[in-house]
């Protein structure tokens, strides 16, 4: 397996990665490898479009029926002459 070097990490990101590894009791490299594997795993998060994701999030709250105004014919455009 090839090694990947991560240079120029933002300080707060490096600290959070280190804290996560300590919390899980694993070396930083193993923790980073797990994060990368989860992020690239195609089975963990099926891709859906934004409308479906929003609908799925708010579906348990129930729907709302809105009264839509009736459409009227367009008015005549102004005459500038």
N, C-alpha and C. Protein backbone atom coordinates (compact mmCIF):
# COMPACT_ATOMS: atom_id res chain seq x y z
N UNK A 1 0.84 -1.18 0.00
CA UNK A 1 0.00 0.00 0.00
C UNK A 1 0.89 1.24 0.00
N UNK A 2 0.49 2.21 -0.78
CA UNK A 2 1.25 3.45 -0.83
C UNK A 2 0.87 4.34 0.34
N UNK A 3 1.80 5.18 0.73
CA UNK A 3 1.56 6.10 1.83
C UNK A 3 1.12 7.44 1.27
N UNK A 4 0.29 8.11 2.00
CA UNK A 4 -0.18 9.44 1.62
C UNK A 4 0.29 10.41 2.70
N UNK A 5 1.02 11.42 2.28
CA UNK A 5 1.48 12.44 3.23
C UNK A 5 0.54 13.63 3.15
N UNK A 6 0.09 14.11 4.30
CA UNK A 6 -0.77 15.28 4.33
C UNK A 6 0.03 16.44 4.89
N UNK A 7 0.33 17.37 4.03
CA UNK A 7 1.11 18.53 4.45
C UNK A 7 0.20 19.74 4.52
N UNK A 8 0.65 20.73 5.25
CA UNK A 8 -0.04 22.01 5.37
C UNK A 8 -1.47 21.88 5.88
N UNK A 9 -1.68 20.97 6.83
CA UNK A 9 -3.00 20.88 7.45
C UNK A 9 -3.21 22.10 8.34
N UNK A 10 -4.43 22.56 8.38
CA UNK A 10 -4.79 23.68 9.25
C UNK A 10 -4.63 23.20 10.69
N UNK A 11 -4.12 24.07 11.56
CA UNK A 11 -3.83 23.68 12.94
C UNK A 11 -5.05 23.10 13.66
N UNK A 12 -6.22 23.76 13.51
CA UNK A 12 -7.40 23.26 14.22
C UNK A 12 -7.83 21.90 13.70
N UNK A 13 -7.59 21.64 12.40
CA UNK A 13 -7.94 20.34 11.83
C UNK A 13 -7.02 19.25 12.37
N UNK A 14 -5.74 19.57 12.45
CA UNK A 14 -4.78 18.60 13.01
C UNK A 14 -5.11 18.30 14.48
N UNK A 15 -5.48 19.32 15.24
CA UNK A 15 -5.84 19.12 16.65
C UNK A 15 -7.09 18.26 16.78
N UNK A 16 -8.07 18.52 15.94
CA UNK A 16 -9.31 17.73 16.00
C UNK A 16 -9.07 16.29 15.60
N UNK A 17 -8.21 16.08 14.61
CA UNK A 17 -7.88 14.72 14.19
C UNK A 17 -7.14 13.98 15.31
N UNK A 18 -6.22 14.67 15.95
CA UNK A 18 -5.48 14.07 17.05
C UNK A 18 -6.43 13.75 18.23
N UNK A 19 -7.34 14.68 18.55
CA UNK A 19 -8.28 14.47 19.65
C UNK A 19 -9.21 13.29 19.35
N UNK A 20 -9.65 13.19 18.09
CA UNK A 20 -10.53 12.08 17.71
C UNK A 20 -9.80 10.75 17.86
N UNK A 21 -8.54 10.71 17.42
CA UNK A 21 -7.76 9.48 17.54
C UNK A 21 -7.56 9.10 19.00
N UNK A 22 -7.29 10.08 19.85
CA UNK A 22 -7.12 9.79 21.28
C UNK A 22 -8.42 9.29 21.90
N UNK A 23 -9.53 9.91 21.51
CA UNK A 23 -10.83 9.51 22.06
C UNK A 23 -11.17 8.08 21.67
N UNK A 24 -10.78 7.67 20.45
CA UNK A 24 -11.05 6.32 19.99
C UNK A 24 -9.97 5.33 20.39
N UNK A 25 -8.86 5.85 20.94
CA UNK A 25 -7.77 4.97 21.38
C UNK A 25 -7.01 4.35 20.22
N UNK A 26 -6.91 5.09 19.11
CA UNK A 26 -6.21 4.60 17.94
C UNK A 26 -5.14 5.59 17.54
N UNK A 27 -4.14 5.14 16.79
CA UNK A 27 -3.16 6.09 16.25
C UNK A 27 -3.82 7.04 15.25
N UNK A 28 -3.23 8.20 15.08
CA UNK A 28 -3.79 9.21 14.17
C UNK A 28 -3.91 8.66 12.75
N UNK A 29 -2.92 7.91 12.30
CA UNK A 29 -2.95 7.39 10.95
C UNK A 29 -4.13 6.45 10.73
N UNK A 30 -4.40 5.60 11.71
CA UNK A 30 -5.51 4.65 11.61
C UNK A 30 -6.83 5.42 11.62
N UNK A 31 -6.92 6.44 12.46
CA UNK A 31 -8.13 7.24 12.52
C UNK A 31 -8.37 7.97 11.20
N UNK A 32 -7.33 8.56 10.63
CA UNK A 32 -7.46 9.26 9.36
C UNK A 32 -7.84 8.29 8.24
N UNK A 33 -7.27 7.09 8.27
CA UNK A 33 -7.61 6.09 7.26
C UNK A 33 -9.08 5.71 7.36
N UNK A 34 -9.59 5.57 8.58
CA UNK A 34 -11.01 5.24 8.76
C UNK A 34 -11.92 6.35 8.26
N UNK A 35 -11.53 7.60 8.50
CA UNK A 35 -12.32 8.73 8.02
C UNK A 35 -12.35 8.74 6.50
N UNK A 36 -11.19 8.55 5.87
CA UNK A 36 -11.13 8.54 4.41
C UNK A 36 -11.93 7.38 3.82
N UNK A 37 -11.86 6.23 4.46
CA UNK A 37 -12.59 5.06 3.95
C UNK A 37 -14.09 5.29 4.07
N UNK A 38 -14.55 5.85 5.18
CA UNK A 38 -15.98 6.11 5.36
C UNK A 38 -16.47 7.16 4.37
N UNK A 39 -15.62 8.15 4.09
CA UNK A 39 -16.03 9.22 3.17
C UNK A 39 -16.12 8.73 1.74
N UNK A 40 -15.36 7.71 1.39
CA UNK A 40 -15.37 7.23 0.01
C UNK A 40 -16.17 5.95 -0.16
N UNK A 41 -16.78 5.45 0.90
CA UNK A 41 -17.57 4.22 0.82
C UNK A 41 -18.90 4.53 0.14
N UNK A 42 -19.15 3.90 -0.99
CA UNK A 42 -20.36 4.21 -1.76
C UNK A 42 -21.61 3.64 -1.11
N UNK A 43 -21.49 2.66 -0.23
CA UNK A 43 -22.68 2.07 0.38
C UNK A 43 -23.13 2.82 1.61
N UNK A 44 -22.29 3.67 2.18
CA UNK A 44 -22.67 4.32 3.43
C UNK A 44 -23.69 5.43 3.26
N UNK A 45 -23.63 6.16 2.16
CA UNK A 45 -24.56 7.26 1.95
C UNK A 45 -24.99 7.29 0.49
N UNK A 46 -26.17 6.73 0.22
CA UNK A 46 -26.62 6.78 -1.17
C UNK A 46 -26.90 8.22 -1.58
N UNK A 47 -26.51 8.55 -2.78
CA UNK A 47 -26.70 9.92 -3.22
C UNK A 47 -28.15 10.14 -3.63
N UNK A 48 -28.72 11.22 -3.14
CA UNK A 48 -30.07 11.61 -3.51
C UNK A 48 -30.04 13.07 -3.89
N UNK A 49 -31.04 13.47 -4.61
CA UNK A 49 -31.07 14.87 -4.98
C UNK A 49 -31.55 15.69 -3.78
N UNK A 50 -31.34 16.98 -3.84
CA UNK A 50 -31.64 17.87 -2.72
C UNK A 50 -33.11 17.85 -2.35
N UNK A 51 -33.99 17.83 -3.34
CA UNK A 51 -35.43 17.83 -3.06
C UNK A 51 -35.84 16.59 -2.27
N UNK A 52 -35.33 15.44 -2.64
CA UNK A 52 -35.66 14.21 -1.90
C UNK A 52 -35.10 14.25 -0.48
N UNK A 53 -33.91 14.77 -0.33
CA UNK A 53 -33.31 14.85 1.01
C UNK A 53 -34.13 15.77 1.91
N UNK A 54 -34.58 16.90 1.39
CA UNK A 54 -35.40 17.82 2.19
C UNK A 54 -36.74 17.19 2.51
N UNK A 55 -37.35 16.55 1.52
CA UNK A 55 -38.65 15.90 1.74
C UNK A 55 -38.54 14.81 2.80
N UNK A 56 -37.47 14.01 2.73
CA UNK A 56 -37.29 12.93 3.70
C UNK A 56 -37.07 13.48 5.11
N UNK A 57 -36.39 14.61 5.21
CA UNK A 57 -36.13 15.18 6.53
C UNK A 57 -37.41 15.72 7.18
N UNK A 58 -38.28 16.34 6.38
CA UNK A 58 -39.46 16.98 6.95
C UNK A 58 -40.73 16.14 6.85
N UNK A 59 -40.68 14.99 6.22
CA UNK A 59 -41.85 14.13 6.08
C UNK A 59 -42.45 13.72 7.42
N UNK A 60 -41.66 13.39 8.45
CA UNK A 60 -42.27 13.01 9.73
C UNK A 60 -43.09 14.13 10.39
N UNK A 61 -42.85 15.36 10.00
CA UNK A 61 -43.58 16.48 10.61
C UNK A 61 -44.96 16.66 10.01
N UNK A 62 -45.23 16.04 8.89
CA UNK A 62 -46.53 16.17 8.23
C UNK A 62 -46.49 17.24 7.16
N UNK A 63 -47.53 17.23 6.35
CA UNK A 63 -47.57 18.16 5.24
C UNK A 63 -48.42 19.39 5.55
N UNK A 64 -48.39 20.32 4.66
CA UNK A 64 -49.18 21.54 4.78
C UNK A 64 -49.89 21.76 3.45
N UNK A 65 -51.18 21.97 3.53
CA UNK A 65 -51.94 22.26 2.32
C UNK A 65 -52.07 23.77 2.20
N UNK A 66 -51.56 24.31 1.14
CA UNK A 66 -51.62 25.76 0.91
C UNK A 66 -52.74 26.07 -0.07
N UNK A 67 -53.44 27.15 0.19
CA UNK A 67 -54.45 27.60 -0.75
C UNK A 67 -53.76 28.43 -1.82
N UNK A 68 -53.86 27.96 -3.04
CA UNK A 68 -53.24 28.68 -4.14
C UNK A 68 -54.29 29.59 -4.77
N UNK A 69 -53.93 30.85 -5.02
CA UNK A 69 -54.90 31.75 -5.64
C UNK A 69 -55.17 31.31 -7.08
N UNK A 70 -56.39 31.58 -7.53
CA UNK A 70 -56.72 31.22 -8.90
C UNK A 70 -55.96 32.14 -9.84
N UNK A 71 -55.60 31.59 -10.97
CA UNK A 71 -54.87 32.38 -11.96
C UNK A 71 -55.85 33.22 -12.75
N UNK A 72 -55.47 34.44 -12.96
CA UNK A 72 -56.29 35.35 -13.74
C UNK A 72 -55.57 35.63 -15.05
N UNK A 73 -56.31 36.09 -16.05
CA UNK A 73 -55.64 36.40 -17.31
C UNK A 73 -54.64 37.54 -17.12
N UNK A 74 -53.61 37.54 -17.93
CA UNK A 74 -52.61 38.60 -17.83
C UNK A 74 -53.23 39.92 -18.25
N UNK A 75 -52.79 40.96 -17.61
CA UNK A 75 -53.29 42.28 -18.01
C UNK A 75 -52.57 42.73 -19.28
N UNK A 76 -53.14 43.70 -19.91
CA UNK A 76 -52.57 44.22 -21.15
C UNK A 76 -51.28 44.97 -20.83
N UNK A 77 -50.27 44.82 -21.65
CA UNK A 77 -49.02 45.57 -21.41
C UNK A 77 -49.27 47.07 -21.61
N UNK A 78 -48.51 47.91 -20.92
CA UNK A 78 -48.71 49.35 -21.07
C UNK A 78 -48.33 49.83 -22.48
N UNK A 79 -49.02 50.86 -22.91
CA UNK A 79 -48.74 51.45 -24.20
C UNK A 79 -47.98 52.76 -23.96
N UNK A 80 -46.74 52.85 -24.40
CA UNK A 80 -45.90 54.01 -24.13
C UNK A 80 -45.93 55.03 -25.27
N UNK A 81 -46.83 54.92 -26.17
CA UNK A 81 -46.89 55.88 -27.26
C UNK A 81 -47.84 57.01 -26.99
